[in-house]
N, C-alpha and C. Protein backbone atom coordinates (compact mmCIF):
# COMPACT_ATOMS: atom_id res chain seq x y z
N MET A 1 4.77 -35.08 4.42
CA MET A 1 4.60 -33.73 4.96
C MET A 1 3.24 -33.63 5.67
N LYS A 2 3.26 -33.09 6.86
CA LYS A 2 2.02 -32.93 7.63
C LYS A 2 1.31 -31.65 7.20
N LYS A 3 0.00 -31.76 7.01
CA LYS A 3 -0.81 -30.62 6.57
C LYS A 3 -1.12 -29.72 7.77
N VAL A 4 -0.93 -28.41 7.58
CA VAL A 4 -1.15 -27.45 8.68
C VAL A 4 -2.10 -26.35 8.23
N ILE A 5 -3.06 -26.04 9.07
CA ILE A 5 -3.87 -24.84 8.90
C ILE A 5 -3.63 -23.94 10.12
N VAL A 6 -3.44 -22.65 9.87
CA VAL A 6 -3.21 -21.68 10.93
C VAL A 6 -4.47 -20.83 11.11
N TYR A 7 -4.95 -20.75 12.34
CA TYR A 7 -6.15 -19.99 12.69
C TYR A 7 -5.72 -18.80 13.55
N ILE A 8 -6.05 -17.60 13.10
CA ILE A 8 -5.54 -16.39 13.76
C ILE A 8 -6.68 -15.56 14.33
N ASP A 9 -6.67 -15.42 15.63
CA ASP A 9 -7.61 -14.54 16.34
C ASP A 9 -7.07 -13.12 16.21
N GLY A 10 -7.65 -12.36 15.28
CA GLY A 10 -7.09 -11.07 14.90
C GLY A 10 -6.94 -10.08 16.04
N PHE A 11 -7.95 -9.95 16.87
CA PHE A 11 -7.89 -8.95 17.94
C PHE A 11 -7.00 -9.40 19.08
N ASN A 12 -6.94 -10.70 19.34
CA ASN A 12 -6.02 -11.20 20.35
C ASN A 12 -4.58 -10.93 19.93
N LEU A 13 -4.31 -11.11 18.65
CA LEU A 13 -2.98 -10.81 18.12
C LEU A 13 -2.70 -9.32 18.17
N TYR A 14 -3.66 -8.51 17.74
CA TYR A 14 -3.47 -7.05 17.70
C TYR A 14 -3.16 -6.50 19.09
N PHE A 15 -3.96 -6.89 20.08
CA PHE A 15 -3.76 -6.34 21.42
C PHE A 15 -2.49 -6.88 22.06
N GLY A 16 -2.05 -8.06 21.68
CA GLY A 16 -0.76 -8.55 22.14
C GLY A 16 0.38 -7.70 21.60
N LEU A 17 0.32 -7.40 20.31
CA LEU A 17 1.34 -6.53 19.71
C LEU A 17 1.28 -5.12 20.31
N LYS A 18 0.05 -4.64 20.53
CA LYS A 18 -0.12 -3.29 21.09
C LYS A 18 0.48 -3.19 22.49
N SER A 19 0.29 -4.21 23.30
CA SER A 19 0.81 -4.16 24.67
C SER A 19 2.33 -4.17 24.71
N LYS A 20 2.96 -4.71 23.64
CA LYS A 20 4.43 -4.69 23.55
C LYS A 20 4.95 -3.41 22.89
N GLY A 21 4.04 -2.63 22.30
CA GLY A 21 4.47 -1.44 21.57
C GLY A 21 5.06 -1.75 20.21
N TRP A 22 4.71 -2.91 19.65
CA TRP A 22 5.28 -3.34 18.37
C TRP A 22 4.39 -2.90 17.21
N LYS A 23 4.21 -1.59 17.06
CA LYS A 23 3.32 -1.08 16.01
C LYS A 23 3.78 -1.47 14.61
N ARG A 24 5.08 -1.54 14.41
CA ARG A 24 5.60 -1.85 13.07
C ARG A 24 5.08 -3.21 12.59
N PHE A 25 4.77 -4.08 13.55
CA PHE A 25 4.34 -5.43 13.18
C PHE A 25 2.83 -5.53 12.98
N TYR A 26 2.11 -4.38 13.12
CA TYR A 26 0.69 -4.41 12.72
C TYR A 26 0.58 -4.69 11.21
N TRP A 27 1.60 -4.26 10.48
CA TRP A 27 1.62 -4.41 9.01
C TRP A 27 2.20 -5.79 8.68
N ILE A 28 1.49 -6.83 9.10
CA ILE A 28 2.06 -8.18 9.07
C ILE A 28 1.47 -9.01 7.93
N ASN A 29 2.34 -9.69 7.23
CA ASN A 29 1.92 -10.65 6.21
C ASN A 29 1.59 -11.95 6.93
N LEU A 30 0.31 -12.23 7.09
CA LEU A 30 -0.11 -13.35 7.93
C LEU A 30 0.21 -14.71 7.32
N VAL A 31 0.27 -14.78 6.00
CA VAL A 31 0.67 -16.05 5.37
C VAL A 31 2.15 -16.31 5.62
N GLN A 32 2.97 -15.25 5.50
CA GLN A 32 4.40 -15.42 5.77
C GLN A 32 4.64 -15.77 7.24
N LEU A 33 3.89 -15.12 8.13
CA LEU A 33 4.01 -15.45 9.55
C LEU A 33 3.66 -16.92 9.78
N SER A 34 2.59 -17.39 9.14
CA SER A 34 2.19 -18.79 9.28
C SER A 34 3.31 -19.72 8.81
N LYS A 35 3.90 -19.41 7.67
CA LYS A 35 4.99 -20.24 7.15
C LYS A 35 6.19 -20.24 8.09
N ASN A 36 6.44 -19.10 8.71
CA ASN A 36 7.59 -18.99 9.61
C ASN A 36 7.40 -19.76 10.91
N LEU A 37 6.18 -20.22 11.17
CA LEU A 37 5.91 -21.01 12.37
C LEU A 37 6.04 -22.51 12.13
N LEU A 38 6.18 -22.91 10.86
CA LEU A 38 6.18 -24.33 10.51
C LEU A 38 7.54 -24.98 10.74
N LYS A 39 7.49 -26.29 10.96
CA LYS A 39 8.71 -27.11 11.02
C LYS A 39 8.98 -27.69 9.63
N ASN A 40 10.13 -28.31 9.48
CA ASN A 40 10.56 -28.78 8.16
C ASN A 40 9.66 -29.85 7.57
N ASP A 41 8.99 -30.60 8.40
CA ASP A 41 8.15 -31.69 7.90
C ASP A 41 6.68 -31.28 7.78
N GLN A 42 6.43 -29.98 7.75
CA GLN A 42 5.06 -29.47 7.67
C GLN A 42 4.87 -28.59 6.45
N LYS A 43 3.65 -28.59 5.90
CA LYS A 43 3.32 -27.70 4.78
C LYS A 43 2.04 -26.95 5.10
N LEU A 44 2.00 -25.69 4.72
CA LEU A 44 0.85 -24.84 5.00
C LEU A 44 -0.24 -25.07 3.97
N VAL A 45 -1.42 -25.44 4.46
CA VAL A 45 -2.57 -25.64 3.59
C VAL A 45 -3.36 -24.34 3.44
N SER A 46 -3.54 -23.63 4.56
CA SER A 46 -4.35 -22.41 4.54
C SER A 46 -4.07 -21.59 5.80
N THR A 47 -4.27 -20.29 5.67
CA THR A 47 -4.25 -19.39 6.82
C THR A 47 -5.62 -18.77 6.92
N LYS A 48 -6.21 -18.81 8.12
CA LYS A 48 -7.56 -18.28 8.33
C LYS A 48 -7.50 -17.18 9.38
N TYR A 49 -7.97 -16.01 9.01
CA TYR A 49 -7.87 -14.81 9.84
C TYR A 49 -9.26 -14.37 10.26
N PHE A 50 -9.44 -14.16 11.55
CA PHE A 50 -10.75 -13.84 12.12
C PHE A 50 -10.69 -12.46 12.76
N THR A 51 -11.59 -11.58 12.31
CA THR A 51 -11.56 -10.20 12.78
C THR A 51 -12.96 -9.61 12.70
N SER A 52 -13.09 -8.34 13.04
CA SER A 52 -14.33 -7.58 12.87
C SER A 52 -13.97 -6.22 12.32
N ARG A 53 -14.84 -5.67 11.52
CA ARG A 53 -14.60 -4.33 10.96
C ARG A 53 -14.79 -3.26 12.02
N VAL A 54 -13.82 -2.36 12.11
CA VAL A 54 -13.90 -1.23 13.02
C VAL A 54 -14.52 -0.05 12.28
N ASN A 55 -15.49 0.60 12.90
CA ASN A 55 -16.16 1.75 12.26
C ASN A 55 -15.65 3.08 12.79
N LEU A 56 -15.31 3.13 14.06
CA LEU A 56 -14.86 4.37 14.70
C LEU A 56 -13.63 4.10 15.55
N PRO A 57 -12.76 5.11 15.70
CA PRO A 57 -12.76 6.39 15.00
C PRO A 57 -12.36 6.21 13.53
N PRO A 58 -12.67 7.19 12.68
CA PRO A 58 -12.43 7.04 11.24
C PRO A 58 -10.98 6.71 10.87
N ASP A 59 -10.01 7.29 11.57
CA ASP A 59 -8.62 7.03 11.20
C ASP A 59 -8.24 5.58 11.50
N LYS A 60 -8.77 5.04 12.57
CA LYS A 60 -8.50 3.63 12.90
C LYS A 60 -9.17 2.72 11.88
N ALA A 61 -10.40 3.05 11.49
CA ALA A 61 -11.11 2.27 10.48
C ALA A 61 -10.35 2.28 9.16
N HIS A 62 -9.80 3.45 8.81
CA HIS A 62 -9.04 3.56 7.56
C HIS A 62 -7.79 2.68 7.60
N ARG A 63 -7.06 2.70 8.71
CA ARG A 63 -5.86 1.87 8.82
C ARG A 63 -6.21 0.39 8.70
N GLN A 64 -7.29 -0.02 9.34
CA GLN A 64 -7.69 -1.42 9.24
C GLN A 64 -8.07 -1.78 7.81
N ASN A 65 -8.77 -0.87 7.12
CA ASN A 65 -9.16 -1.13 5.73
C ASN A 65 -7.95 -1.33 4.83
N VAL A 66 -6.94 -0.49 5.02
CA VAL A 66 -5.72 -0.62 4.22
C VAL A 66 -5.05 -1.97 4.49
N PHE A 67 -4.98 -2.34 5.77
CA PHE A 67 -4.37 -3.62 6.14
C PHE A 67 -5.14 -4.79 5.54
N ILE A 68 -6.47 -4.76 5.62
CA ILE A 68 -7.26 -5.86 5.07
C ILE A 68 -7.11 -5.94 3.55
N GLU A 69 -7.02 -4.78 2.88
CA GLU A 69 -6.79 -4.80 1.43
C GLU A 69 -5.44 -5.44 1.11
N ALA A 70 -4.45 -5.19 1.95
CA ALA A 70 -3.14 -5.82 1.75
C ALA A 70 -3.25 -7.33 1.94
N LEU A 71 -3.99 -7.74 2.96
CA LEU A 71 -4.17 -9.18 3.20
C LEU A 71 -4.89 -9.85 2.04
N GLU A 72 -5.82 -9.13 1.42
CA GLU A 72 -6.60 -9.71 0.33
C GLU A 72 -5.75 -9.99 -0.91
N THR A 73 -4.52 -9.48 -0.97
CA THR A 73 -3.64 -9.79 -2.09
C THR A 73 -2.94 -11.14 -1.90
N LEU A 74 -3.07 -11.74 -0.72
CA LEU A 74 -2.33 -12.97 -0.42
C LEU A 74 -3.09 -14.21 -0.87
N PRO A 75 -2.39 -15.16 -1.49
CA PRO A 75 -3.03 -16.44 -1.80
C PRO A 75 -3.15 -17.28 -0.53
N ASP A 76 -4.10 -18.20 -0.54
CA ASP A 76 -4.27 -19.16 0.57
C ASP A 76 -4.59 -18.48 1.90
N LEU A 77 -5.21 -17.29 1.84
CA LEU A 77 -5.65 -16.63 3.06
C LEU A 77 -7.16 -16.40 2.97
N GLU A 78 -7.87 -16.78 4.01
CA GLU A 78 -9.30 -16.53 4.10
C GLU A 78 -9.56 -15.61 5.30
N ILE A 79 -10.48 -14.67 5.12
CA ILE A 79 -10.83 -13.73 6.19
C ILE A 79 -12.28 -13.96 6.60
N PHE A 80 -12.50 -14.08 7.91
CA PHE A 80 -13.83 -14.33 8.46
C PHE A 80 -14.17 -13.17 9.40
N TYR A 81 -15.37 -12.62 9.22
CA TYR A 81 -15.74 -11.43 9.97
C TYR A 81 -16.78 -11.72 11.05
N GLY A 82 -16.52 -11.20 12.24
CA GLY A 82 -17.52 -11.13 13.30
C GLY A 82 -18.13 -9.75 13.24
N GLN A 83 -18.53 -9.23 14.39
CA GLN A 83 -19.12 -7.90 14.40
C GLN A 83 -18.91 -7.25 15.75
N TYR A 84 -19.02 -5.93 15.75
CA TYR A 84 -18.95 -5.18 16.99
C TYR A 84 -20.37 -4.94 17.52
N GLN A 85 -20.51 -5.09 18.83
CA GLN A 85 -21.78 -4.79 19.49
C GLN A 85 -21.50 -3.77 20.59
N SER A 86 -22.25 -2.68 20.59
CA SER A 86 -22.04 -1.63 21.58
C SER A 86 -22.83 -1.94 22.85
N ASN A 87 -22.13 -2.02 23.96
CA ASN A 87 -22.76 -2.27 25.25
C ASN A 87 -22.72 -1.01 26.11
N SER A 88 -23.79 -0.76 26.86
CA SER A 88 -23.84 0.40 27.76
C SER A 88 -23.05 0.10 29.03
N VAL A 89 -22.17 1.04 29.39
CA VAL A 89 -21.38 0.91 30.62
C VAL A 89 -21.60 2.16 31.45
N THR A 90 -21.92 1.97 32.74
CA THR A 90 -22.18 3.10 33.63
C THR A 90 -20.97 3.33 34.54
N CYS A 91 -20.51 4.57 34.59
CA CYS A 91 -19.39 4.91 35.46
C CYS A 91 -19.84 4.85 36.93
N ASN A 92 -19.09 4.13 37.74
CA ASN A 92 -19.43 3.98 39.16
C ASN A 92 -19.31 5.29 39.93
N LYS A 93 -18.47 6.19 39.46
CA LYS A 93 -18.22 7.43 40.19
C LYS A 93 -19.22 8.53 39.86
N CYS A 94 -19.47 8.71 38.55
CA CYS A 94 -20.31 9.86 38.16
C CYS A 94 -21.66 9.45 37.57
N GLY A 95 -21.86 8.17 37.29
CA GLY A 95 -23.13 7.72 36.75
C GLY A 95 -23.27 7.93 35.25
N HIS A 96 -22.23 8.47 34.62
CA HIS A 96 -22.29 8.70 33.17
C HIS A 96 -22.39 7.37 32.42
N ILE A 97 -23.28 7.29 31.44
CA ILE A 97 -23.44 6.09 30.63
C ILE A 97 -22.74 6.28 29.29
N MET A 98 -21.88 5.32 28.96
CA MET A 98 -21.16 5.39 27.69
C MET A 98 -21.28 4.06 26.98
N LEU A 99 -21.05 4.10 25.67
CA LEU A 99 -21.09 2.88 24.86
C LEU A 99 -19.69 2.33 24.70
N ARG A 100 -19.53 1.06 25.00
CA ARG A 100 -18.23 0.41 24.83
C ARG A 100 -18.38 -0.70 23.80
N PRO A 101 -17.59 -0.65 22.71
CA PRO A 101 -17.70 -1.71 21.70
C PRO A 101 -17.17 -3.04 22.21
N ASN A 102 -17.86 -4.10 21.84
CA ASN A 102 -17.46 -5.44 22.25
C ASN A 102 -17.48 -6.34 21.04
N GLU A 103 -16.35 -6.94 20.74
CA GLU A 103 -16.26 -7.77 19.55
C GLU A 103 -16.95 -9.10 19.78
N LYS A 104 -17.77 -9.52 18.81
CA LYS A 104 -18.56 -10.74 18.96
C LYS A 104 -18.27 -11.70 17.81
N MET A 105 -18.42 -12.97 18.09
CA MET A 105 -18.46 -14.06 17.11
C MET A 105 -17.11 -14.60 16.67
N THR A 106 -16.00 -13.94 17.02
CA THR A 106 -14.71 -14.45 16.58
C THR A 106 -14.47 -15.86 17.10
N ASP A 107 -14.70 -16.09 18.39
CA ASP A 107 -14.45 -17.42 18.95
C ASP A 107 -15.37 -18.46 18.32
N VAL A 108 -16.63 -18.08 18.04
CA VAL A 108 -17.56 -19.00 17.39
C VAL A 108 -17.10 -19.33 15.98
N ASN A 109 -16.67 -18.30 15.23
CA ASN A 109 -16.21 -18.53 13.86
C ASN A 109 -14.97 -19.42 13.83
N ILE A 110 -14.06 -19.21 14.76
CA ILE A 110 -12.87 -20.05 14.82
C ILE A 110 -13.27 -21.49 15.13
N ALA A 111 -14.15 -21.66 16.10
CA ALA A 111 -14.58 -23.01 16.48
C ALA A 111 -15.22 -23.74 15.31
N VAL A 112 -16.10 -23.05 14.58
CA VAL A 112 -16.78 -23.67 13.43
C VAL A 112 -15.76 -24.10 12.37
N GLU A 113 -14.80 -23.23 12.06
CA GLU A 113 -13.82 -23.55 11.03
C GLU A 113 -12.90 -24.70 11.45
N MET A 114 -12.45 -24.68 12.70
CA MET A 114 -11.56 -25.75 13.16
C MET A 114 -12.26 -27.10 13.11
N LEU A 115 -13.50 -27.15 13.58
CA LEU A 115 -14.23 -28.42 13.57
C LEU A 115 -14.58 -28.86 12.16
N SER A 116 -14.98 -27.92 11.32
CA SER A 116 -15.30 -28.25 9.93
C SER A 116 -14.07 -28.79 9.20
N ASP A 117 -12.93 -28.14 9.39
CA ASP A 117 -11.70 -28.61 8.74
C ASP A 117 -11.27 -29.96 9.27
N ALA A 118 -11.47 -30.20 10.55
CA ALA A 118 -11.12 -31.50 11.13
C ALA A 118 -11.98 -32.60 10.52
N PHE A 119 -13.28 -32.36 10.42
CA PHE A 119 -14.18 -33.37 9.86
C PHE A 119 -13.90 -33.61 8.38
N GLN A 120 -13.40 -32.60 7.68
CA GLN A 120 -13.05 -32.78 6.26
C GLN A 120 -11.61 -33.27 6.07
N ASN A 121 -10.92 -33.52 7.19
CA ASN A 121 -9.53 -33.99 7.17
C ASN A 121 -8.63 -33.04 6.39
N ARG A 122 -8.81 -31.75 6.59
CA ARG A 122 -8.00 -30.78 5.86
C ARG A 122 -6.66 -30.51 6.53
N PHE A 123 -6.51 -30.90 7.79
CA PHE A 123 -5.23 -30.68 8.46
C PHE A 123 -4.85 -31.89 9.32
N ASP A 124 -3.54 -32.02 9.51
CA ASP A 124 -3.00 -32.94 10.51
C ASP A 124 -2.68 -32.18 11.79
N ILE A 125 -2.28 -30.91 11.60
CA ILE A 125 -1.93 -30.04 12.72
C ILE A 125 -2.65 -28.71 12.54
N ALA A 126 -3.29 -28.26 13.61
CA ALA A 126 -3.89 -26.92 13.64
C ALA A 126 -3.04 -26.05 14.55
N ILE A 127 -2.60 -24.92 14.03
CA ILE A 127 -1.90 -23.93 14.86
C ILE A 127 -2.87 -22.81 15.15
N LEU A 128 -3.14 -22.58 16.42
CA LEU A 128 -4.10 -21.57 16.84
C LEU A 128 -3.36 -20.40 17.47
N ILE A 129 -3.46 -19.23 16.81
CA ILE A 129 -2.84 -18.02 17.34
C ILE A 129 -3.89 -17.27 18.15
N SER A 130 -3.93 -17.56 19.44
CA SER A 130 -4.89 -16.95 20.34
C SER A 130 -4.58 -17.40 21.76
N ALA A 131 -5.06 -16.62 22.72
CA ALA A 131 -5.00 -17.03 24.12
C ALA A 131 -6.39 -16.93 24.74
N ASP A 132 -7.42 -17.05 23.91
CA ASP A 132 -8.80 -16.93 24.36
C ASP A 132 -9.27 -18.28 24.91
N SER A 133 -9.50 -18.34 26.20
CA SER A 133 -9.90 -19.61 26.82
C SER A 133 -11.27 -20.08 26.36
N ASP A 134 -12.06 -19.21 25.72
CA ASP A 134 -13.35 -19.63 25.17
C ASP A 134 -13.19 -20.66 24.06
N LEU A 135 -11.97 -20.82 23.56
CA LEU A 135 -11.71 -21.80 22.50
C LEU A 135 -11.39 -23.18 23.06
N SER A 136 -11.58 -23.37 24.34
CA SER A 136 -11.37 -24.69 24.94
C SER A 136 -12.29 -25.73 24.32
N GLY A 137 -13.55 -25.34 24.05
CA GLY A 137 -14.54 -26.27 23.53
C GLY A 137 -14.14 -26.98 22.26
N PRO A 138 -13.79 -26.24 21.19
CA PRO A 138 -13.42 -26.92 19.95
C PRO A 138 -12.15 -27.77 20.10
N ILE A 139 -11.23 -27.34 20.94
CA ILE A 139 -10.02 -28.13 21.15
C ILE A 139 -10.38 -29.48 21.78
N LYS A 140 -11.24 -29.45 22.80
CA LYS A 140 -11.68 -30.70 23.43
C LYS A 140 -12.38 -31.61 22.43
N SER A 141 -13.24 -31.03 21.59
CA SER A 141 -13.99 -31.85 20.62
C SER A 141 -13.07 -32.49 19.59
N ILE A 142 -12.13 -31.72 19.09
CA ILE A 142 -11.20 -32.27 18.10
C ILE A 142 -10.36 -33.38 18.71
N LYS A 143 -9.89 -33.18 19.93
CA LYS A 143 -9.11 -34.23 20.60
C LYS A 143 -9.95 -35.49 20.81
N LYS A 144 -11.23 -35.32 21.10
CA LYS A 144 -12.10 -36.46 21.36
C LYS A 144 -12.38 -37.26 20.08
N PHE A 145 -12.73 -36.56 19.02
CA PHE A 145 -13.17 -37.23 17.80
C PHE A 145 -12.03 -37.52 16.82
N PHE A 146 -10.92 -36.80 16.96
CA PHE A 146 -9.79 -36.97 16.03
C PHE A 146 -8.49 -37.07 16.83
N PRO A 147 -8.29 -38.17 17.54
CA PRO A 147 -7.12 -38.28 18.43
C PRO A 147 -5.78 -38.21 17.73
N ASN A 148 -5.76 -38.41 16.41
CA ASN A 148 -4.48 -38.35 15.68
C ASN A 148 -4.13 -36.95 15.22
N LYS A 149 -5.05 -36.02 15.35
CA LYS A 149 -4.76 -34.64 14.95
C LYS A 149 -4.17 -33.89 16.14
N ARG A 150 -3.28 -32.95 15.83
CA ARG A 150 -2.60 -32.20 16.89
C ARG A 150 -3.00 -30.72 16.83
N ILE A 151 -3.14 -30.13 17.99
CA ILE A 151 -3.44 -28.70 18.09
C ILE A 151 -2.32 -28.03 18.87
N ILE A 152 -1.69 -27.05 18.23
CA ILE A 152 -0.57 -26.32 18.81
C ILE A 152 -0.99 -24.86 19.02
N LEU A 153 -0.73 -24.35 20.20
CA LEU A 153 -1.03 -22.94 20.49
C LEU A 153 0.18 -22.08 20.20
N ALA A 154 -0.05 -20.98 19.49
CA ALA A 154 1.00 -19.98 19.27
C ALA A 154 0.48 -18.70 19.92
N PHE A 155 0.93 -18.45 21.14
CA PHE A 155 0.42 -17.29 21.87
C PHE A 155 0.97 -16.00 21.29
N PRO A 156 0.10 -14.98 21.10
CA PRO A 156 0.59 -13.64 20.76
C PRO A 156 1.44 -13.09 21.90
N PRO A 157 2.22 -12.06 21.65
CA PRO A 157 3.01 -11.44 22.72
C PRO A 157 2.13 -11.01 23.89
N ASP A 158 2.62 -11.19 25.10
CA ASP A 158 1.90 -10.77 26.31
C ASP A 158 0.53 -11.42 26.45
N ARG A 159 0.32 -12.57 25.85
CA ARG A 159 -0.95 -13.28 25.97
C ARG A 159 -0.66 -14.73 26.35
N TYR A 160 -1.49 -15.27 27.26
CA TYR A 160 -1.26 -16.63 27.74
C TYR A 160 -2.55 -17.15 28.36
N SER A 161 -2.82 -18.45 28.19
CA SER A 161 -3.97 -19.07 28.83
C SER A 161 -3.54 -20.42 29.40
N PHE A 162 -3.54 -20.50 30.70
CA PHE A 162 -3.19 -21.76 31.35
C PHE A 162 -4.20 -22.84 30.99
N GLU A 163 -5.48 -22.46 30.90
CA GLU A 163 -6.52 -23.43 30.57
C GLU A 163 -6.27 -24.07 29.21
N LEU A 164 -5.90 -23.25 28.22
CA LEU A 164 -5.63 -23.79 26.89
C LEU A 164 -4.39 -24.68 26.87
N THR A 165 -3.37 -24.31 27.64
CA THR A 165 -2.14 -25.12 27.63
C THR A 165 -2.41 -26.53 28.17
N LYS A 166 -3.40 -26.67 29.04
CA LYS A 166 -3.72 -28.00 29.57
C LYS A 166 -4.37 -28.88 28.51
N LEU A 167 -4.92 -28.28 27.47
CA LEU A 167 -5.66 -29.03 26.46
C LEU A 167 -4.85 -29.29 25.19
N ALA A 168 -4.01 -28.34 24.82
CA ALA A 168 -3.28 -28.44 23.54
C ALA A 168 -2.15 -29.46 23.62
N HIS A 169 -1.68 -29.86 22.45
CA HIS A 169 -0.57 -30.81 22.38
C HIS A 169 0.78 -30.12 22.54
N GLY A 170 0.79 -28.81 22.42
CA GLY A 170 2.02 -28.04 22.58
C GLY A 170 1.70 -26.55 22.51
N TYR A 171 2.62 -25.73 22.96
CA TYR A 171 2.39 -24.29 22.90
C TYR A 171 3.72 -23.55 22.96
N PHE A 172 3.70 -22.31 22.43
CA PHE A 172 4.86 -21.42 22.49
C PHE A 172 4.34 -20.00 22.30
N THR A 173 5.17 -19.04 22.61
CA THR A 173 4.85 -17.63 22.37
C THR A 173 5.61 -17.16 21.14
N ILE A 174 4.93 -16.49 20.24
CA ILE A 174 5.57 -16.01 19.01
C ILE A 174 6.54 -14.89 19.38
N GLY A 175 7.80 -15.06 19.00
CA GLY A 175 8.83 -14.10 19.35
C GLY A 175 8.95 -12.96 18.35
N ARG A 176 9.69 -11.97 18.75
CA ARG A 176 9.84 -10.75 17.94
C ARG A 176 10.41 -11.06 16.56
N LYS A 177 11.37 -11.97 16.47
CA LYS A 177 12.01 -12.25 15.19
C LYS A 177 11.03 -12.83 14.18
N LYS A 178 10.09 -13.65 14.64
CA LYS A 178 9.09 -14.22 13.73
C LYS A 178 8.27 -13.11 13.10
N PHE A 179 7.92 -12.10 13.90
CA PHE A 179 7.18 -10.96 13.35
C PHE A 179 8.06 -10.14 12.42
N HIS A 180 9.28 -9.88 12.85
CA HIS A 180 10.20 -9.09 12.05
C HIS A 180 10.40 -9.69 10.66
N ASP A 181 10.45 -11.01 10.60
CA ASP A 181 10.68 -11.71 9.33
C ASP A 181 9.41 -11.88 8.51
N SER A 182 8.29 -11.34 8.99
CA SER A 182 7.00 -11.59 8.33
C SER A 182 6.26 -10.33 7.90
N VAL A 183 6.87 -9.15 8.07
CA VAL A 183 6.14 -7.93 7.72
C VAL A 183 6.07 -7.74 6.21
N PHE A 184 4.99 -7.09 5.79
CA PHE A 184 4.88 -6.67 4.39
C PHE A 184 5.98 -5.67 4.07
N PRO A 185 6.34 -5.56 2.79
CA PRO A 185 7.15 -4.40 2.41
C PRO A 185 6.35 -3.12 2.62
N GLU A 186 7.01 -1.98 2.57
CA GLU A 186 6.32 -0.72 2.82
C GLU A 186 5.15 -0.51 1.87
N PHE A 187 5.31 -0.98 0.63
CA PHE A 187 4.25 -0.85 -0.37
C PHE A 187 3.79 -2.24 -0.81
N VAL A 188 2.46 -2.40 -0.95
CA VAL A 188 1.87 -3.65 -1.43
C VAL A 188 1.02 -3.31 -2.64
N LEU A 189 1.25 -4.00 -3.75
CA LEU A 189 0.50 -3.75 -4.97
C LEU A 189 -0.72 -4.64 -5.05
N LYS A 190 -1.89 -4.03 -5.33
CA LYS A 190 -3.09 -4.80 -5.58
C LYS A 190 -3.07 -5.30 -7.02
N PRO A 191 -3.87 -6.30 -7.37
CA PRO A 191 -3.88 -6.82 -8.75
C PRO A 191 -4.17 -5.75 -9.80
N ASN A 192 -4.93 -4.70 -9.43
CA ASN A 192 -5.25 -3.63 -10.39
C ASN A 192 -4.16 -2.58 -10.48
N GLY A 193 -3.04 -2.80 -9.76
CA GLY A 193 -1.92 -1.87 -9.82
C GLY A 193 -1.94 -0.79 -8.75
N TYR A 194 -3.02 -0.71 -7.96
CA TYR A 194 -3.09 0.29 -6.91
C TYR A 194 -2.09 -0.03 -5.81
N LYS A 195 -1.38 0.98 -5.33
CA LYS A 195 -0.33 0.79 -4.34
C LYS A 195 -0.84 1.10 -2.94
N LEU A 196 -0.79 0.10 -2.08
CA LEU A 196 -1.16 0.26 -0.68
C LEU A 196 0.10 0.57 0.13
N THR A 197 0.01 1.55 1.03
CA THR A 197 1.16 1.98 1.81
C THR A 197 0.90 1.76 3.28
N ILE A 198 1.91 1.29 3.99
CA ILE A 198 1.78 1.12 5.43
C ILE A 198 1.33 2.42 6.08
N PRO A 199 0.32 2.39 6.95
CA PRO A 199 -0.12 3.63 7.63
C PRO A 199 1.05 4.31 8.34
N GLU A 200 1.06 5.63 8.29
CA GLU A 200 2.20 6.41 8.76
C GLU A 200 2.54 6.11 10.22
N ASN A 201 1.55 6.01 11.08
CA ASN A 201 1.88 5.83 12.50
C ASN A 201 2.12 4.37 12.88
N TRP A 202 2.21 3.49 11.87
CA TRP A 202 2.65 2.11 12.11
C TRP A 202 4.12 1.94 11.81
N LYS A 203 4.75 2.98 11.29
CA LYS A 203 6.16 2.85 10.88
C LYS A 203 7.08 2.87 12.10
């Protein structure tokens, strides 16, 4: 059995689902999704999820908190956090200056984990759920130093990178059925018995 680690670019996945209008799949069991991407001769070693905490607006932050608490009930899932940085943007028409949040460090965190796992021989196959071309670097390095390891791209809906497809050993777009078969039940129980419920506007 080939060892597989799945690396998930959280915001790339979220915005792919958002662009399709697939809100119901925001409530996704990422370990189950990872398993549903495997072939018969593969076994899942770990799922690694990369995201940043949202602070505003409060209702969005609350929904993310509930989702992350649900993810924390899963075995073999690790969560890695980047951060939001507010950048000033000036309107070309009226000159108004506003703050636009920009997510930072996700691509760096993914690169560090992929390379670290490769050097520790933790996987034979890495499945990368992202279409961020900034991840070209770690893919090139792994191919150079570990020619027997394979990197497969699993593009989120409505996301694609030609640059990444030139580097990876294979690629596909995750279809609706894979998400449908991977959602959490409506209620998720925490170890202390607290019941987490899918946010109302994700139903």
